[in-house]
């Protein structure tokens, strides 16, 4: 099945180029960037629709009397997020 599709597109290069051009025009028209190409009407995907795949951040407020901020960072604040990152 796949071989037949590949063979069809290899033998019909005009159709292949038209399909490629259609995909490129669609990609440009839906890109969420501020491109000013007046040829293609734009219908961009909102940036909010693109998922945020960055690291989750937690704020941990701790107090430990008589200790430096570096000690608190190393012994209290840093270990929980490190453990949460490797949780299954």
N, C-alpha and C. Protein backbone atom coordinates (compact mmCIF):
# COMPACT_ATOMS: atom_id res chain seq x y z
N UNK A 1 0.82 -1.19 0.00
CA UNK A 1 0.00 0.00 0.00
C UNK A 1 0.87 1.26 0.00
N UNK A 2 1.82 1.33 0.91
CA UNK A 2 2.72 2.48 0.99
C UNK A 2 3.56 2.57 -0.29
N UNK A 3 4.02 1.42 -0.76
CA UNK A 3 4.82 1.41 -1.99
C UNK A 3 4.05 1.97 -3.18
N UNK A 4 2.76 1.66 -3.24
CA UNK A 4 1.93 2.18 -4.34
C UNK A 4 1.78 3.69 -4.24
N UNK A 5 1.61 4.20 -3.03
CA UNK A 5 1.47 5.65 -2.83
C UNK A 5 2.77 6.35 -3.21
N UNK A 6 3.89 5.82 -2.75
CA UNK A 6 5.19 6.41 -3.08
C UNK A 6 5.44 6.37 -4.58
N UNK A 7 5.14 5.26 -5.20
CA UNK A 7 5.33 5.15 -6.64
C UNK A 7 4.45 6.15 -7.39
N UNK A 8 3.20 6.32 -6.95
CA UNK A 8 2.29 7.27 -7.58
C UNK A 8 2.86 8.69 -7.54
N UNK A 9 3.35 9.10 -6.37
CA UNK A 9 3.88 10.45 -6.26
C UNK A 9 5.22 10.61 -6.98
N UNK A 10 6.00 9.57 -7.09
CA UNK A 10 7.23 9.65 -7.87
C UNK A 10 6.96 9.76 -9.36
N UNK A 11 5.92 9.10 -9.83
CA UNK A 11 5.59 9.13 -11.25
C UNK A 11 4.82 10.39 -11.64
N UNK A 12 4.09 10.97 -10.72
CA UNK A 12 3.27 12.16 -10.99
C UNK A 12 3.85 13.36 -10.23
N UNK A 13 4.92 13.89 -10.75
CA UNK A 13 5.64 14.96 -10.05
C UNK A 13 4.86 16.26 -10.00
N UNK A 14 4.03 16.52 -10.99
CA UNK A 14 3.23 17.75 -10.99
C UNK A 14 2.26 17.73 -9.82
N UNK A 15 1.59 16.62 -9.62
CA UNK A 15 0.66 16.50 -8.49
C UNK A 15 1.41 16.60 -7.17
N UNK A 16 2.60 16.01 -7.12
CA UNK A 16 3.41 16.09 -5.91
C UNK A 16 3.78 17.53 -5.59
N UNK A 17 4.20 18.29 -6.59
CA UNK A 17 4.57 19.69 -6.38
C UNK A 17 3.36 20.53 -5.99
N UNK A 18 2.21 20.27 -6.60
CA UNK A 18 1.00 21.00 -6.23
C UNK A 18 0.59 20.70 -4.79
N UNK A 19 0.69 19.46 -4.38
CA UNK A 19 0.36 19.09 -3.00
C UNK A 19 1.35 19.73 -2.02
N UNK A 20 2.62 19.74 -2.38
CA UNK A 20 3.63 20.38 -1.54
C UNK A 20 3.36 21.87 -1.40
N UNK A 21 3.04 22.53 -2.52
CA UNK A 21 2.74 23.96 -2.48
C UNK A 21 1.51 24.24 -1.61
N UNK A 22 0.51 23.38 -1.71
CA UNK A 22 -0.69 23.54 -0.89
C UNK A 22 -0.37 23.42 0.60
N UNK A 23 0.47 22.48 0.96
CA UNK A 23 0.85 22.30 2.37
C UNK A 23 1.65 23.50 2.86
N UNK A 24 2.55 24.03 2.03
CA UNK A 24 3.35 25.19 2.43
C UNK A 24 2.47 26.42 2.60
N UNK A 25 1.55 26.66 1.69
CA UNK A 25 0.64 27.81 1.80
C UNK A 25 -0.23 27.68 3.03
N UNK A 26 -0.73 26.49 3.32
CA UNK A 26 -1.52 26.27 4.53
C UNK A 26 -0.69 26.54 5.78
N UNK A 27 0.57 26.09 5.78
CA UNK A 27 1.44 26.31 6.93
C UNK A 27 1.72 27.78 7.16
N UNK A 28 1.94 28.52 6.08
CA UNK A 28 2.19 29.96 6.21
C UNK A 28 0.94 30.68 6.70
N UNK A 29 -0.22 30.26 6.23
CA UNK A 29 -1.45 30.95 6.62
C UNK A 29 -1.84 30.69 8.07
N UNK A 30 -1.43 29.57 8.65
CA UNK A 30 -1.80 29.27 10.03
C UNK A 30 -0.65 29.48 11.02
N UNK A 31 0.49 29.96 10.56
CA UNK A 31 1.63 30.18 11.45
C UNK A 31 1.32 31.31 12.43
N UNK A 32 1.70 31.14 13.71
CA UNK A 32 1.38 32.17 14.71
C UNK A 32 2.40 33.31 14.74
N UNK A 33 3.09 33.56 13.65
CA UNK A 33 4.11 34.60 13.61
C UNK A 33 3.57 35.83 12.91
N UNK A 34 4.23 36.94 13.05
CA UNK A 34 3.80 38.20 12.47
C UNK A 34 4.42 38.42 11.10
N UNK A 35 4.13 37.54 10.16
CA UNK A 35 4.63 37.69 8.81
C UNK A 35 3.68 38.58 8.05
N UNK A 36 4.22 39.50 7.27
CA UNK A 36 3.38 40.42 6.50
C UNK A 36 3.49 40.08 5.02
N UNK A 37 2.97 38.94 4.64
CA UNK A 37 2.93 38.56 3.23
C UNK A 37 1.50 38.68 2.77
N UNK A 38 1.17 39.76 2.06
CA UNK A 38 -0.20 40.06 1.71
C UNK A 38 -0.83 39.12 0.70
N UNK A 39 -0.10 38.16 0.19
CA UNK A 39 -0.64 37.29 -0.85
C UNK A 39 -1.60 36.26 -0.27
N UNK A 40 -1.23 35.67 0.85
CA UNK A 40 -2.02 34.59 1.45
C UNK A 40 -2.84 35.15 2.60
N UNK A 41 -4.18 34.93 2.60
CA UNK A 41 -4.97 35.38 3.76
C UNK A 41 -4.54 34.61 5.02
N UNK A 42 -4.47 35.33 6.13
CA UNK A 42 -3.94 34.72 7.35
C UNK A 42 -5.07 34.35 8.30
N UNK A 43 -4.95 33.21 8.90
CA UNK A 43 -5.84 32.75 9.97
C UNK A 43 -4.95 32.06 11.01
N UNK A 44 -4.15 32.84 11.75
CA UNK A 44 -3.16 32.22 12.62
C UNK A 44 -3.78 31.50 13.81
N UNK A 45 -3.09 30.45 14.23
CA UNK A 45 -3.48 29.74 15.45
C UNK A 45 -3.08 30.60 16.63
N UNK A 46 -3.98 30.81 17.60
CA UNK A 46 -3.60 31.62 18.75
C UNK A 46 -2.43 30.98 19.51
N UNK A 47 -1.57 31.81 20.05
CA UNK A 47 -0.40 31.30 20.76
C UNK A 47 -0.84 30.52 22.00
N UNK A 48 -1.99 30.87 22.58
CA UNK A 48 -2.48 30.15 23.75
C UNK A 48 -2.82 28.70 23.43
N UNK A 49 -3.06 28.40 22.15
CA UNK A 49 -3.41 27.04 21.77
C UNK A 49 -2.20 26.13 21.71
N UNK A 50 -1.00 26.71 21.72
CA UNK A 50 0.22 25.92 21.69
C UNK A 50 0.58 25.56 23.12
N UNK A 51 0.70 24.29 23.45
CA UNK A 51 0.94 23.91 24.85
C UNK A 51 2.31 24.36 25.35
N UNK A 52 2.36 24.68 26.63
CA UNK A 52 3.61 25.05 27.28
C UNK A 52 4.28 23.76 27.74
N UNK A 53 5.43 23.44 27.15
CA UNK A 53 6.10 22.20 27.51
C UNK A 53 7.33 22.45 28.37
N UNK A 54 7.40 23.66 28.94
CA UNK A 54 8.53 23.98 29.81
C UNK A 54 8.41 23.27 31.15
N UNK A 55 9.45 23.38 31.92
CA UNK A 55 9.44 22.76 33.25
C UNK A 55 8.45 23.47 34.16
N UNK A 56 7.76 22.69 34.96
CA UNK A 56 6.90 23.27 35.98
C UNK A 56 7.78 23.80 37.10
N UNK A 57 7.38 24.92 37.67
CA UNK A 57 8.15 25.51 38.74
C UNK A 57 7.28 25.59 39.99
N UNK A 58 7.90 25.31 41.11
CA UNK A 58 7.23 25.42 42.39
C UNK A 58 7.97 26.45 43.23
N UNK A 59 7.23 27.20 44.01
CA UNK A 59 7.83 28.16 44.93
C UNK A 59 7.77 27.55 46.31
N UNK A 60 8.92 27.41 46.93
CA UNK A 60 9.01 26.83 48.27
C UNK A 60 9.57 27.91 49.19
N UNK A 61 8.77 28.35 50.13
CA UNK A 61 9.21 29.37 51.09
C UNK A 61 9.59 28.66 52.39
N UNK A 62 10.82 28.84 52.83
CA UNK A 62 11.29 28.18 54.04
C UNK A 62 12.04 29.16 54.92
N UNK A 63 12.02 28.88 56.21
CA UNK A 63 12.80 29.65 57.17
C UNK A 63 13.57 28.67 58.04
N UNK A 64 14.81 29.00 58.31
CA UNK A 64 15.63 28.17 59.18
C UNK A 64 16.55 29.13 59.91
N UNK A 65 16.21 29.42 61.13
CA UNK A 65 16.94 30.43 61.90
C UNK A 65 18.40 30.04 62.07
N UNK A 66 19.27 31.01 61.87
CA UNK A 66 20.68 30.80 62.08
C UNK A 66 21.41 30.16 60.91
N UNK A 67 20.75 29.93 59.80
CA UNK A 67 21.39 29.32 58.63
C UNK A 67 21.45 30.33 57.48
N UNK A 68 22.43 30.16 56.64
CA UNK A 68 22.58 31.05 55.49
C UNK A 68 21.59 30.65 54.39
N UNK A 69 21.30 31.58 53.49
CA UNK A 69 20.41 31.24 52.38
C UNK A 69 20.93 30.08 51.53
N UNK A 70 22.25 29.96 51.43
CA UNK A 70 22.84 28.85 50.66
C UNK A 70 22.53 27.51 51.32
N UNK A 71 22.60 27.44 52.67
CA UNK A 71 22.26 26.20 53.38
C UNK A 71 20.79 25.84 53.16
N UNK A 72 19.93 26.83 53.25
CA UNK A 72 18.50 26.57 53.05
C UNK A 72 18.25 26.08 51.62
N UNK A 73 18.89 26.72 50.66
CA UNK A 73 18.74 26.30 49.26
C UNK A 73 19.19 24.86 49.06
N UNK A 74 20.35 24.52 49.60
CA UNK A 74 20.93 23.19 49.38
C UNK A 74 20.21 22.09 50.15
N UNK A 75 19.76 22.37 51.37
CA UNK A 75 19.26 21.30 52.24
C UNK A 75 17.75 21.23 52.34
N UNK A 76 17.05 22.31 52.08
CA UNK A 76 15.59 22.29 52.24
C UNK A 76 14.87 22.55 50.92
N UNK A 77 15.20 23.64 50.26
CA UNK A 77 14.43 24.07 49.10
C UNK A 77 14.70 23.22 47.87
N UNK A 78 15.92 22.86 47.61
CA UNK A 78 16.27 22.15 46.38
C UNK A 78 15.84 20.68 46.35
N UNK A 79 15.97 19.90 47.43
CA UNK A 79 15.63 18.47 47.33
C UNK A 79 14.20 18.13 46.91
N UNK A 80 13.13 18.79 47.41
CA UNK A 80 11.78 18.38 46.96
C UNK A 80 11.55 18.48 45.46
N UNK A 81 11.87 19.61 44.79
CA UNK A 81 11.65 19.63 43.34
C UNK A 81 12.49 18.60 42.60
N UNK A 82 13.68 18.33 43.09
CA UNK A 82 14.53 17.32 42.45
C UNK A 82 13.87 15.95 42.56
N UNK A 83 13.29 15.65 43.70
CA UNK A 83 12.60 14.37 43.89
C UNK A 83 11.34 14.29 43.05
N UNK A 84 10.61 15.41 42.92
CA UNK A 84 9.38 15.42 42.14
C UNK A 84 9.69 15.19 40.66
N UNK A 85 10.83 15.64 40.21
CA UNK A 85 11.18 15.49 38.79
C UNK A 85 11.40 14.04 38.41
N UNK A 86 11.85 13.21 39.33
CA UNK A 86 12.16 11.82 39.03
C UNK A 86 11.07 10.87 39.50
N UNK A 87 9.95 11.40 39.91
CA UNK A 87 8.83 10.57 40.34
C UNK A 87 8.15 9.91 39.16
N UNK A 88 7.71 8.72 39.33
CA UNK A 88 7.01 8.03 38.24
C UNK A 88 5.53 8.09 38.45
